[in-house]
Amino acid sequence: MVSIIVNSNYSYALSSRFWLFWQPFIENGARSQLIYSTVLTLAAATTTVVPTVAQAQTVNYDASAPRIVSTDIDRNDDNHSITLYTGARPLTYVRVTTPDDVEIQEGVQATTEGGREIEAAIFRGLREDDRFIVAFAQPIPARTSVEITFQEVEPTIPDVGAFFNYEVAGKHLGLERLIPYGVARFQAAGGGRS
C-alpha cells in the first residue's frame, strides 16, 4: 500500500475559497489526500503562468542592398530625378510605376556617380500607361550609384505641397525576379529634396 502525505503548509498561492473547499477532504484520510494532491497538482499545472520575456529585435541593415538614395525636382526644366544604388549585382533595367496624374513627355537620361552618361530608353506598357521600363544599353556596374532623370514631367494640376510617389524596382544580372527598391517620393510644389 502506498501512502501519500500532503503537507497542509503548502507554498502555492491559492485563493482562500479553494482552500476552504478542499480542507474537509484533507482531514478525512489517505484517499482524500490522494484526491487532494491530484487536484492540487492539476490546479497548479493549469494555473502556472509562464512569464513572457521581451526579446530585443535587431534590424540588420545591409549597406550593399539596392536602394533609392535620393530624389530631386528641377523646377526650371520640370525634370524628376531618382538616384539609385545598384547593390552587389549589375543593374540591367528599372521598372517605374508613376501616379495616374503624372506624364513623362520627353524621355530619360541616366548618369553614373562619376558623371558618365549611360544610354537609356523608356518602354511603356501596352495595358498600363503608368508603368514603364527604363532599359540601359549596358548594365550599370555593381556598387554604383546612378541618377535617372525623367525629362519634361507634366503633372495634371497638382495641389501645392502634394506628393507624387513612384514605385521603383530593378532587374539585376543573375537574378530571375525584380528587386523592389521602394517608393521615390517627389513634392509637387514648394519643396526641395525629399
N, C-alpha and C. Protein backbone atom coordinates (compact mmCIF):
# COMPACT_ATOMS: atom_id res chain seq x y z
N MET A 1 0.83 -1.16 0.00
CA MET A 1 0.00 0.00 0.00
C MET A 1 0.89 1.24 0.00
N VAL A 2 0.52 2.19 -0.80
CA VAL A 2 1.28 3.43 -0.92
C VAL A 2 0.50 4.51 -0.21
N SER A 3 1.19 5.21 0.64
CA SER A 3 0.51 6.32 1.32
C SER A 3 1.13 7.63 0.86
N ILE A 4 0.31 8.60 0.63
CA ILE A 4 0.77 9.92 0.18
C ILE A 4 0.43 10.91 1.28
N ILE A 5 1.43 11.62 1.69
CA ILE A 5 1.22 12.61 2.74
C ILE A 5 1.25 13.99 2.09
N VAL A 6 0.24 14.77 2.36
CA VAL A 6 0.15 16.11 1.82
C VAL A 6 0.38 17.08 2.96
N ASN A 7 1.33 17.92 2.81
CA ASN A 7 1.63 18.92 3.81
C ASN A 7 0.63 20.06 3.67
N SER A 8 -0.03 20.39 4.75
CA SER A 8 -1.02 21.46 4.67
C SER A 8 -0.38 22.83 4.62
N ASN A 9 0.90 22.93 4.92
CA ASN A 9 1.61 24.21 4.80
C ASN A 9 2.26 24.28 3.41
N TYR A 10 1.45 24.30 2.42
CA TYR A 10 1.97 24.31 1.06
C TYR A 10 2.33 25.73 0.65
N SER A 11 3.21 25.82 -0.34
CA SER A 11 3.71 27.12 -0.73
C SER A 11 3.01 27.68 -1.97
N TYR A 12 1.99 27.02 -2.44
CA TYR A 12 1.28 27.52 -3.61
C TYR A 12 0.38 28.68 -3.21
N ALA A 13 0.28 29.65 -4.06
CA ALA A 13 -0.56 30.81 -3.79
C ALA A 13 -1.94 30.52 -4.34
N LEU A 14 -2.80 29.91 -3.54
CA LEU A 14 -4.15 29.60 -3.98
C LEU A 14 -5.12 30.51 -3.25
N SER A 15 -6.25 30.68 -3.81
CA SER A 15 -7.23 31.55 -3.17
C SER A 15 -7.80 30.87 -1.93
N SER A 16 -8.36 31.67 -1.05
CA SER A 16 -8.91 31.13 0.19
C SER A 16 -10.14 30.27 -0.09
N ARG A 17 -10.89 30.58 -1.11
CA ARG A 17 -12.06 29.76 -1.47
C ARG A 17 -11.63 28.35 -1.84
N PHE A 18 -10.55 28.25 -2.59
CA PHE A 18 -10.05 26.95 -2.99
C PHE A 18 -9.66 26.13 -1.76
N TRP A 19 -8.97 26.76 -0.81
CA TRP A 19 -8.54 26.07 0.40
C TRP A 19 -9.74 25.64 1.25
N LEU A 20 -10.72 26.52 1.38
CA LEU A 20 -11.90 26.19 2.19
C LEU A 20 -12.70 25.05 1.58
N PHE A 21 -12.71 24.95 0.26
CA PHE A 21 -13.44 23.87 -0.39
C PHE A 21 -12.78 22.52 -0.15
N TRP A 22 -11.45 22.46 -0.20
CA TRP A 22 -10.74 21.19 -0.12
C TRP A 22 -10.32 20.79 1.29
N GLN A 23 -10.42 21.68 2.26
CA GLN A 23 -9.96 21.38 3.61
C GLN A 23 -10.68 20.18 4.24
N PRO A 24 -12.02 20.03 4.10
CA PRO A 24 -12.66 18.85 4.69
C PRO A 24 -12.17 17.53 4.10
N PHE A 25 -11.82 17.52 2.84
CA PHE A 25 -11.36 16.28 2.22
C PHE A 25 -9.98 15.89 2.72
N ILE A 26 -9.18 16.86 3.07
CA ILE A 26 -7.82 16.58 3.54
C ILE A 26 -7.88 15.87 4.89
N GLU A 27 -8.79 16.28 5.72
CA GLU A 27 -8.86 15.74 7.07
C GLU A 27 -9.49 14.36 7.13
N ASN A 28 -10.01 13.81 6.03
CA ASN A 28 -10.71 12.53 6.05
C ASN A 28 -9.84 11.32 5.70
N GLY A 29 -8.57 11.45 5.58
CA GLY A 29 -7.76 10.26 5.40
C GLY A 29 -6.93 10.27 4.14
N ALA A 30 -6.30 9.11 3.90
CA ALA A 30 -5.33 8.98 2.82
C ALA A 30 -5.97 9.08 1.44
N ARG A 31 -7.17 8.51 1.28
CA ARG A 31 -7.82 8.59 -0.02
C ARG A 31 -8.12 10.04 -0.37
N SER A 32 -8.58 10.78 0.61
CA SER A 32 -8.82 12.21 0.38
C SER A 32 -7.52 12.94 0.07
N GLN A 33 -6.45 12.51 0.74
CA GLN A 33 -5.16 13.14 0.48
C GLN A 33 -4.69 12.86 -0.95
N LEU A 34 -4.94 11.65 -1.42
CA LEU A 34 -4.58 11.31 -2.81
C LEU A 34 -5.38 12.16 -3.79
N ILE A 35 -6.66 12.28 -3.55
CA ILE A 35 -7.50 13.10 -4.43
C ILE A 35 -7.06 14.56 -4.35
N TYR A 36 -6.82 15.04 -3.14
CA TYR A 36 -6.41 16.42 -2.96
C TYR A 36 -5.10 16.71 -3.68
N SER A 37 -4.14 15.80 -3.51
CA SER A 37 -2.84 16.05 -4.16
C SER A 37 -2.96 16.02 -5.68
N THR A 38 -3.81 15.16 -6.20
CA THR A 38 -4.01 15.10 -7.65
C THR A 38 -4.66 16.39 -8.16
N VAL A 39 -5.71 16.81 -7.46
CA VAL A 39 -6.40 18.04 -7.86
C VAL A 39 -5.49 19.24 -7.70
N LEU A 40 -4.74 19.27 -6.60
CA LEU A 40 -3.82 20.39 -6.37
C LEU A 40 -2.75 20.45 -7.45
N THR A 41 -2.23 19.29 -7.84
CA THR A 41 -1.23 19.24 -8.89
C THR A 41 -1.80 19.72 -10.22
N LEU A 42 -2.99 19.26 -10.54
CA LEU A 42 -3.63 19.71 -11.78
C LEU A 42 -3.94 21.20 -11.75
N ALA A 43 -4.41 21.68 -10.61
CA ALA A 43 -4.71 23.11 -10.49
C ALA A 43 -3.45 23.94 -10.63
N ALA A 44 -2.39 23.50 -9.99
CA ALA A 44 -1.13 24.24 -10.08
C ALA A 44 -0.58 24.20 -11.50
N ALA A 45 -0.75 23.05 -12.17
CA ALA A 45 -0.21 22.93 -13.53
C ALA A 45 -0.99 23.80 -14.53
N THR A 46 -2.29 23.90 -14.30
CA THR A 46 -3.09 24.68 -15.26
C THR A 46 -3.08 26.16 -14.97
N THR A 47 -2.73 26.56 -13.76
CA THR A 47 -2.72 27.99 -13.43
C THR A 47 -1.33 28.58 -13.42
N THR A 48 -0.34 27.79 -13.74
CA THR A 48 1.02 28.30 -13.79
C THR A 48 1.14 29.27 -14.95
N VAL A 49 1.64 30.43 -14.67
CA VAL A 49 1.81 31.46 -15.69
C VAL A 49 3.27 31.47 -16.11
N VAL A 50 3.49 31.30 -17.39
CA VAL A 50 4.84 31.37 -17.93
C VAL A 50 5.15 32.83 -18.22
N PRO A 51 6.18 33.35 -17.61
CA PRO A 51 6.47 34.76 -17.85
C PRO A 51 6.88 35.01 -19.30
N THR A 52 6.37 36.10 -19.82
CA THR A 52 6.71 36.48 -21.19
C THR A 52 7.99 37.29 -21.15
N VAL A 53 8.93 36.86 -21.93
CA VAL A 53 10.22 37.54 -21.97
C VAL A 53 10.24 38.44 -23.19
N ALA A 54 10.46 39.71 -22.97
CA ALA A 54 10.57 40.64 -24.09
C ALA A 54 11.92 40.41 -24.76
N GLN A 55 11.86 40.23 -26.06
CA GLN A 55 13.09 39.98 -26.79
C GLN A 55 13.40 41.19 -27.66
N ALA A 56 14.59 41.65 -27.59
CA ALA A 56 15.01 42.76 -28.42
C ALA A 56 15.27 42.24 -29.83
N GLN A 57 14.73 42.93 -30.81
CA GLN A 57 14.96 42.54 -32.19
C GLN A 57 15.91 43.53 -32.82
N THR A 58 16.93 43.01 -33.41
CA THR A 58 17.87 43.88 -34.08
C THR A 58 17.53 43.93 -35.56
N VAL A 59 17.66 45.09 -36.12
CA VAL A 59 17.41 45.27 -37.54
C VAL A 59 18.75 45.21 -38.24
N ASN A 60 18.89 44.25 -39.10
CA ASN A 60 20.13 44.13 -39.85
C ASN A 60 19.99 44.91 -41.14
N TYR A 61 20.77 45.95 -41.27
CA TYR A 61 20.74 46.77 -42.47
C TYR A 61 21.95 46.42 -43.30
N ASP A 62 21.71 46.00 -44.52
CA ASP A 62 22.78 45.64 -45.42
C ASP A 62 23.10 46.85 -46.29
N ALA A 63 24.26 47.43 -46.07
CA ALA A 63 24.64 48.63 -46.81
C ALA A 63 24.86 48.35 -48.29
N SER A 64 25.01 47.08 -48.66
CA SER A 64 25.23 46.76 -50.07
C SER A 64 23.92 46.45 -50.80
N ALA A 65 22.79 46.57 -50.14
CA ALA A 65 21.49 46.28 -50.76
C ALA A 65 21.10 47.38 -51.74
N PRO A 66 20.42 47.03 -52.83
CA PRO A 66 19.93 48.05 -53.76
C PRO A 66 18.90 48.94 -53.07
N ARG A 67 18.94 50.24 -53.37
CA ARG A 67 18.03 51.16 -52.69
C ARG A 67 17.94 52.49 -53.43
N ILE A 68 16.93 53.25 -53.05
CA ILE A 68 16.78 54.63 -53.54
C ILE A 68 17.61 55.50 -52.63
N VAL A 69 18.52 56.27 -53.22
CA VAL A 69 19.39 57.14 -52.43
C VAL A 69 18.73 58.49 -52.21
N SER A 70 18.19 59.09 -53.28
CA SER A 70 17.57 60.40 -53.16
C SER A 70 16.65 60.68 -54.35
N THR A 71 15.85 61.73 -54.21
CA THR A 71 15.01 62.22 -55.31
C THR A 71 15.20 63.72 -55.40
N ASP A 72 14.93 64.27 -56.58
CA ASP A 72 15.10 65.71 -56.77
C ASP A 72 14.19 66.17 -57.91
N ILE A 73 13.69 67.39 -57.79
CA ILE A 73 12.91 68.01 -58.87
C ILE A 73 13.63 69.25 -59.33
N ASP A 74 13.89 69.33 -60.63
CA ASP A 74 14.42 70.55 -61.24
C ASP A 74 13.22 71.34 -61.73
N ARG A 75 12.84 72.36 -61.00
CA ARG A 75 11.62 73.10 -61.29
C ARG A 75 11.73 73.95 -62.56
N ASN A 76 12.93 74.27 -62.98
CA ASN A 76 13.10 75.06 -64.21
C ASN A 76 12.79 74.24 -65.44
N ASP A 77 13.19 72.98 -65.43
CA ASP A 77 13.02 72.13 -66.61
C ASP A 77 11.92 71.09 -66.45
N ASP A 78 11.26 71.04 -65.29
CA ASP A 78 10.25 70.03 -64.99
C ASP A 78 10.80 68.62 -65.09
N ASN A 79 12.01 68.42 -64.58
CA ASN A 79 12.63 67.10 -64.58
C ASN A 79 12.55 66.49 -63.18
N HIS A 80 12.26 65.19 -63.12
CA HIS A 80 12.29 64.45 -61.86
C HIS A 80 13.47 63.50 -61.92
N SER A 81 14.31 63.52 -60.87
CA SER A 81 15.50 62.65 -60.83
C SER A 81 15.44 61.71 -59.64
N ILE A 82 15.82 60.47 -59.89
CA ILE A 82 15.92 59.45 -58.84
C ILE A 82 17.34 58.93 -58.86
N THR A 83 18.01 58.94 -57.72
CA THR A 83 19.34 58.36 -57.62
C THR A 83 19.20 57.00 -56.94
N LEU A 84 19.72 55.96 -57.63
CA LEU A 84 19.64 54.59 -57.14
C LEU A 84 21.03 54.05 -56.87
N TYR A 85 21.15 53.20 -55.87
CA TYR A 85 22.37 52.45 -55.62
C TYR A 85 22.11 51.03 -56.11
N THR A 86 22.98 50.50 -56.97
CA THR A 86 22.72 49.22 -57.64
C THR A 86 22.87 48.01 -56.73
N GLY A 87 23.68 48.11 -55.71
CA GLY A 87 23.89 46.96 -54.84
C GLY A 87 25.01 46.08 -55.35
N ALA A 88 24.96 44.79 -54.97
CA ALA A 88 26.06 43.87 -55.25
C ALA A 88 26.04 43.28 -56.65
N ARG A 89 25.00 43.52 -57.44
CA ARG A 89 24.91 42.97 -58.79
C ARG A 89 24.65 44.08 -59.80
N PRO A 90 25.12 43.88 -61.03
CA PRO A 90 24.87 44.88 -62.07
C PRO A 90 23.37 45.03 -62.36
N LEU A 91 22.95 46.25 -62.64
CA LEU A 91 21.55 46.58 -62.88
C LEU A 91 21.31 46.67 -64.38
N THR A 92 20.31 45.91 -64.90
CA THR A 92 20.05 45.91 -66.34
C THR A 92 18.90 46.84 -66.73
N TYR A 93 17.85 46.88 -65.91
CA TYR A 93 16.77 47.83 -66.17
C TYR A 93 16.01 48.13 -64.89
N VAL A 94 15.22 49.19 -64.94
CA VAL A 94 14.42 49.63 -63.80
C VAL A 94 12.97 49.72 -64.25
N ARG A 95 12.06 49.18 -63.43
CA ARG A 95 10.63 49.34 -63.70
C ARG A 95 10.10 50.42 -62.76
N VAL A 96 9.43 51.41 -63.34
CA VAL A 96 8.90 52.53 -62.57
C VAL A 96 7.39 52.61 -62.79
N THR A 97 6.66 52.75 -61.69
CA THR A 97 5.22 52.96 -61.77
C THR A 97 4.95 54.36 -61.24
N THR A 98 4.42 55.20 -62.11
CA THR A 98 4.15 56.59 -61.73
C THR A 98 2.69 56.73 -61.29
N PRO A 99 2.38 57.81 -60.58
CA PRO A 99 0.98 58.05 -60.24
C PRO A 99 0.16 58.34 -61.49
N ASP A 100 -1.15 58.22 -61.38
CA ASP A 100 -2.04 58.44 -62.52
C ASP A 100 -1.96 59.85 -63.07
N ASP A 101 -1.65 60.83 -62.22
CA ASP A 101 -1.67 62.22 -62.66
C ASP A 101 -0.30 62.76 -63.06
N VAL A 102 0.61 61.87 -63.49
CA VAL A 102 1.94 62.29 -63.95
C VAL A 102 2.20 61.70 -65.33
N GLU A 103 2.70 62.55 -66.24
CA GLU A 103 3.08 62.09 -67.58
C GLU A 103 4.50 62.53 -67.88
N ILE A 104 5.30 61.61 -68.43
CA ILE A 104 6.67 61.92 -68.83
C ILE A 104 6.64 62.18 -70.32
N GLN A 105 6.90 63.42 -70.72
CA GLN A 105 6.74 63.85 -72.11
C GLN A 105 7.94 63.52 -72.99
N GLU A 106 9.14 63.81 -72.52
CA GLU A 106 10.33 63.67 -73.37
C GLU A 106 10.93 62.28 -73.30
N GLY A 107 11.78 62.07 -72.34
CA GLY A 107 12.48 60.80 -72.28
C GLY A 107 13.19 60.67 -70.95
N VAL A 108 14.33 59.99 -71.00
CA VAL A 108 15.07 59.70 -69.79
C VAL A 108 16.56 59.87 -70.05
N GLN A 109 17.28 60.26 -69.01
CA GLN A 109 18.72 60.38 -69.08
C GLN A 109 19.29 59.69 -67.86
N ALA A 110 20.35 58.90 -68.04
CA ALA A 110 20.99 58.20 -66.92
C ALA A 110 22.45 58.61 -66.83
N THR A 111 22.89 58.90 -65.60
CA THR A 111 24.26 59.34 -65.36
C THR A 111 24.80 58.61 -64.14
N THR A 112 26.04 58.11 -64.25
CA THR A 112 26.65 57.44 -63.10
C THR A 112 27.19 58.49 -62.14
N GLU A 113 27.62 58.02 -60.96
CA GLU A 113 28.14 58.94 -59.95
C GLU A 113 29.40 59.66 -60.41
N GLY A 114 30.12 59.11 -61.37
CA GLY A 114 31.32 59.76 -61.91
C GLY A 114 30.99 60.77 -63.00
N GLY A 115 29.72 60.93 -63.35
CA GLY A 115 29.32 61.89 -64.37
C GLY A 115 29.24 61.30 -65.77
N ARG A 116 29.48 59.99 -65.89
CA ARG A 116 29.43 59.34 -67.20
C ARG A 116 27.97 59.10 -67.58
N GLU A 117 27.60 59.53 -68.78
CA GLU A 117 26.23 59.34 -69.26
C GLU A 117 26.08 57.94 -69.83
N ILE A 118 24.97 57.31 -69.49
CA ILE A 118 24.68 55.96 -69.95
C ILE A 118 23.46 56.02 -70.84
N GLU A 119 23.53 55.35 -71.98
CA GLU A 119 22.41 55.34 -72.91
C GLU A 119 21.23 54.57 -72.29
N ALA A 120 20.07 55.22 -72.27
CA ALA A 120 18.88 54.60 -71.68
C ALA A 120 17.66 54.93 -72.53
N ALA A 121 16.67 54.07 -72.49
CA ALA A 121 15.44 54.28 -73.24
C ALA A 121 14.25 53.89 -72.37
N ILE A 122 13.10 54.53 -72.65
CA ILE A 122 11.86 54.21 -71.93
C ILE A 122 10.98 53.34 -72.81
N PHE A 123 10.47 52.28 -72.22
CA PHE A 123 9.49 51.43 -72.89
C PHE A 123 8.24 51.41 -72.04
N ARG A 124 7.13 51.79 -72.64
CA ARG A 124 5.87 51.85 -71.91
C ARG A 124 5.09 50.56 -72.13
N GLY A 125 4.33 50.19 -71.12
CA GLY A 125 3.48 49.01 -71.22
C GLY A 125 2.27 49.31 -72.08
N LEU A 126 1.74 48.30 -72.72
CA LEU A 126 0.57 48.48 -73.57
C LEU A 126 -0.71 48.63 -72.75
N ARG A 127 -0.81 47.92 -71.65
CA ARG A 127 -2.03 47.95 -70.86
C ARG A 127 -2.01 49.01 -69.78
N GLU A 128 -0.86 49.24 -69.22
CA GLU A 128 -0.76 50.16 -68.08
C GLU A 128 0.06 51.37 -68.49
N ASP A 129 -0.59 52.51 -68.60
CA ASP A 129 0.11 53.73 -69.00
C ASP A 129 1.03 54.26 -67.91
N ASP A 130 0.76 53.90 -66.67
CA ASP A 130 1.55 54.43 -65.57
C ASP A 130 2.78 53.58 -65.24
N ARG A 131 2.98 52.46 -65.90
CA ARG A 131 4.13 51.59 -65.65
C ARG A 131 5.01 51.55 -66.89
N PHE A 132 6.31 51.73 -66.67
CA PHE A 132 7.23 51.67 -67.80
C PHE A 132 8.57 51.15 -67.34
N ILE A 133 9.39 50.81 -68.33
CA ILE A 133 10.72 50.25 -68.10
C ILE A 133 11.76 51.26 -68.59
N VAL A 134 12.78 51.48 -67.77
CA VAL A 134 13.95 52.25 -68.20
C VAL A 134 15.05 51.22 -68.43
N ALA A 135 15.36 50.98 -69.71
CA ALA A 135 16.37 49.97 -70.07
C ALA A 135 17.69 50.66 -70.39
N PHE A 136 18.77 50.08 -69.92
CA PHE A 136 20.10 50.63 -70.15
C PHE A 136 20.77 49.86 -71.28
N ALA A 137 21.54 50.56 -72.13
CA ALA A 137 22.25 49.93 -73.24
C ALA A 137 23.28 48.93 -72.71
N GLN A 138 23.91 49.26 -71.58
CA GLN A 138 24.85 48.37 -70.91
C GLN A 138 24.45 48.31 -69.44
N PRO A 139 24.64 47.17 -68.80
CA PRO A 139 24.30 47.09 -67.37
C PRO A 139 25.10 48.10 -66.54
N ILE A 140 24.45 48.67 -65.57
CA ILE A 140 25.12 49.58 -64.64
C ILE A 140 25.96 48.70 -63.71
N PRO A 141 27.25 49.00 -63.54
CA PRO A 141 28.10 48.14 -62.71
C PRO A 141 27.60 48.03 -61.27
N ALA A 142 27.97 46.94 -60.62
CA ALA A 142 27.62 46.72 -59.22
C ALA A 142 28.28 47.78 -58.35
N ARG A 143 27.63 48.06 -57.23
CA ARG A 143 28.12 49.03 -56.23
C ARG A 143 28.33 50.41 -56.82
N THR A 144 27.38 50.82 -57.65
CA THR A 144 27.44 52.12 -58.31
C THR A 144 26.13 52.86 -58.08
N SER A 145 26.23 54.17 -57.96
CA SER A 145 25.02 54.99 -57.92
C SER A 145 24.76 55.54 -59.31
N VAL A 146 23.48 55.53 -59.69
CA VAL A 146 23.09 56.05 -61.00
C VAL A 146 21.92 57.00 -60.79
N GLU A 147 21.98 58.16 -61.47
CA GLU A 147 20.89 59.12 -61.41
C GLU A 147 20.07 58.99 -62.68
N ILE A 148 18.78 58.71 -62.51
CA ILE A 148 17.87 58.59 -63.65
C ILE A 148 16.99 59.84 -63.64
N THR A 149 17.04 60.59 -64.73
CA THR A 149 16.28 61.84 -64.83
C THR A 149 15.18 61.68 -65.86
N PHE A 150 13.94 61.86 -65.43
CA PHE A 150 12.80 61.84 -66.33
C PHE A 150 12.57 63.27 -66.79
N GLN A 151 12.60 63.47 -68.11
CA GLN A 151 12.56 64.82 -68.67
C GLN A 151 11.15 65.24 -69.03
N GLU A 152 10.88 66.53 -68.77
CA GLU A 152 9.58 67.14 -69.09
C GLU A 152 8.42 66.36 -68.46
N VAL A 153 8.44 66.29 -67.16
CA VAL A 153 7.37 65.62 -66.43
C VAL A 153 6.23 66.62 -66.24
N GLU A 154 5.04 66.22 -66.62
CA GLU A 154 3.89 67.11 -66.51
C GLU A 154 2.82 66.52 -65.62
N PRO A 155 2.75 67.03 -64.38
CA PRO A 155 1.63 66.61 -63.54
C PRO A 155 0.37 67.35 -63.96
N THR A 156 -0.77 66.73 -63.73
CA THR A 156 -2.03 67.38 -64.07
C THR A 156 -2.51 68.20 -62.89
N ILE A 157 -2.18 69.48 -62.91
CA ILE A 157 -2.56 70.48 -61.91
C ILE A 157 -2.45 69.93 -60.47
N PRO A 158 -1.24 69.78 -59.97
CA PRO A 158 -1.09 69.26 -58.61
C PRO A 158 -1.41 70.32 -57.56
N ASP A 159 -1.84 69.87 -56.41
CA ASP A 159 -2.03 70.77 -55.29
C ASP A 159 -0.67 71.19 -54.76
N VAL A 160 -0.60 72.39 -54.20
CA VAL A 160 0.66 72.85 -53.62
C VAL A 160 1.01 71.94 -52.44
N GLY A 161 2.21 71.44 -52.45
CA GLY A 161 2.66 70.56 -51.38
C GLY A 161 2.28 69.10 -51.56
N ALA A 162 1.60 68.75 -52.65
CA ALA A 162 1.22 67.36 -52.89
C ALA A 162 2.46 66.53 -53.21
N PHE A 163 2.35 65.24 -52.95
CA PHE A 163 3.47 64.35 -53.22
C PHE A 163 3.11 63.39 -54.34
N PHE A 164 4.13 63.06 -55.15
CA PHE A 164 3.99 62.04 -56.18
C PHE A 164 4.88 60.87 -55.77
N ASN A 165 4.32 59.69 -55.72
CA ASN A 165 5.07 58.51 -55.32
C ASN A 165 5.30 57.61 -56.53
N TYR A 166 6.56 57.37 -56.84
CA TYR A 166 6.96 56.49 -57.93
C TYR A 166 7.43 55.17 -57.30
N GLU A 167 6.81 54.07 -57.68
CA GLU A 167 7.29 52.76 -57.22
C GLU A 167 8.43 52.34 -58.13
N VAL A 168 9.54 51.90 -57.52
CA VAL A 168 10.74 51.57 -58.28
C VAL A 168 11.18 50.15 -57.94
N ALA A 169 11.50 49.38 -58.99
CA ALA A 169 12.06 48.03 -58.84
C ALA A 169 13.12 47.85 -59.92
N GLY A 170 14.11 47.04 -59.65
CA GLY A 170 15.21 46.86 -60.60
C GLY A 170 15.44 45.40 -60.94
N LYS A 171 15.91 45.16 -62.14
CA LYS A 171 16.28 43.81 -62.61
C LYS A 171 17.79 43.73 -62.64
N HIS A 172 18.34 42.76 -61.95
CA HIS A 172 19.78 42.60 -61.83
C HIS A 172 20.25 41.34 -62.54
N LEU A 173 21.48 41.38 -63.05
CA LEU A 173 22.06 40.21 -63.70
C LEU A 173 22.18 39.07 -62.69
N GLY A 174 21.79 37.87 -63.11
CA GLY A 174 21.90 36.70 -62.27
C GLY A 174 20.69 36.46 -61.39
N LEU A 175 19.73 37.35 -61.38
CA LEU A 175 18.52 37.16 -60.58
C LEU A 175 17.32 37.05 -61.51
N GLU A 176 16.37 36.18 -61.16
CA GLU A 176 15.22 35.98 -62.02
C GLU A 176 14.14 37.03 -61.84
N ARG A 177 14.02 37.58 -60.65
CA ARG A 177 12.92 38.49 -60.35
C ARG A 177 13.40 39.91 -60.14
N LEU A 178 12.44 40.82 -60.22
CA LEU A 178 12.72 42.21 -59.92
C LEU A 178 12.95 42.39 -58.42
N ILE A 179 13.87 43.26 -58.08
CA ILE A 179 14.14 43.58 -56.69
C ILE A 179 13.46 44.92 -56.39
N PRO A 180 12.54 44.97 -55.43
CA PRO A 180 11.90 46.25 -55.11
C PRO A 180 12.89 47.19 -54.44
N TYR A 181 12.97 48.40 -54.97
CA TYR A 181 13.83 49.42 -54.38
C TYR A 181 13.06 50.25 -53.37
N GLY A 182 11.76 50.41 -53.59
CA GLY A 182 10.94 51.20 -52.68
C GLY A 182 10.14 52.23 -53.44
N VAL A 183 9.78 53.30 -52.73
CA VAL A 183 8.97 54.37 -53.30
C VAL A 183 9.80 55.65 -53.32
N ALA A 184 9.95 56.22 -54.52
CA ALA A 184 10.61 57.51 -54.67
C ALA A 184 9.53 58.58 -54.56
N ARG A 185 9.72 59.51 -53.65
CA ARG A 185 8.68 60.50 -53.36
C ARG A 185 9.15 61.88 -53.81
N PHE A 186 8.26 62.54 -54.58
CA PHE A 186 8.53 63.89 -55.06
C PHE A 186 7.46 64.82 -54.55
N GLN A 187 7.88 66.02 -54.11
CA GLN A 187 6.91 67.02 -53.70
C GLN A 187 6.62 67.92 -54.86
N ALA A 188 5.33 68.16 -55.15
CA ALA A 188 4.91 68.85 -56.37
C ALA A 188 5.33 70.31 -56.39
N ALA A 189 5.16 71.04 -55.34
CA ALA A 189 5.48 72.46 -55.36
C ALA A 189 5.87 72.91 -53.96
N GLY A 190 6.77 73.88 -53.91
CA GLY A 190 7.11 74.50 -52.65
C GLY A 190 8.11 73.71 -51.82
N GLY A 191 8.67 72.63 -52.32
CA GLY A 191 9.63 71.84 -51.55
C GLY A 191 10.84 71.51 -52.37
N GLY A 192 11.84 71.01 -51.73
CA GLY A 192 13.06 70.63 -52.43
C GLY A 192 13.21 69.13 -52.44
N ARG A 193 14.35 68.67 -51.99
CA ARG A 193 14.62 67.22 -51.95
C ARG A 193 13.70 66.55 -50.94
N SER A 194 13.39 65.30 -51.25
CA SER A 194 12.61 64.52 -50.29
C SER A 194 13.23 63.16 -50.09
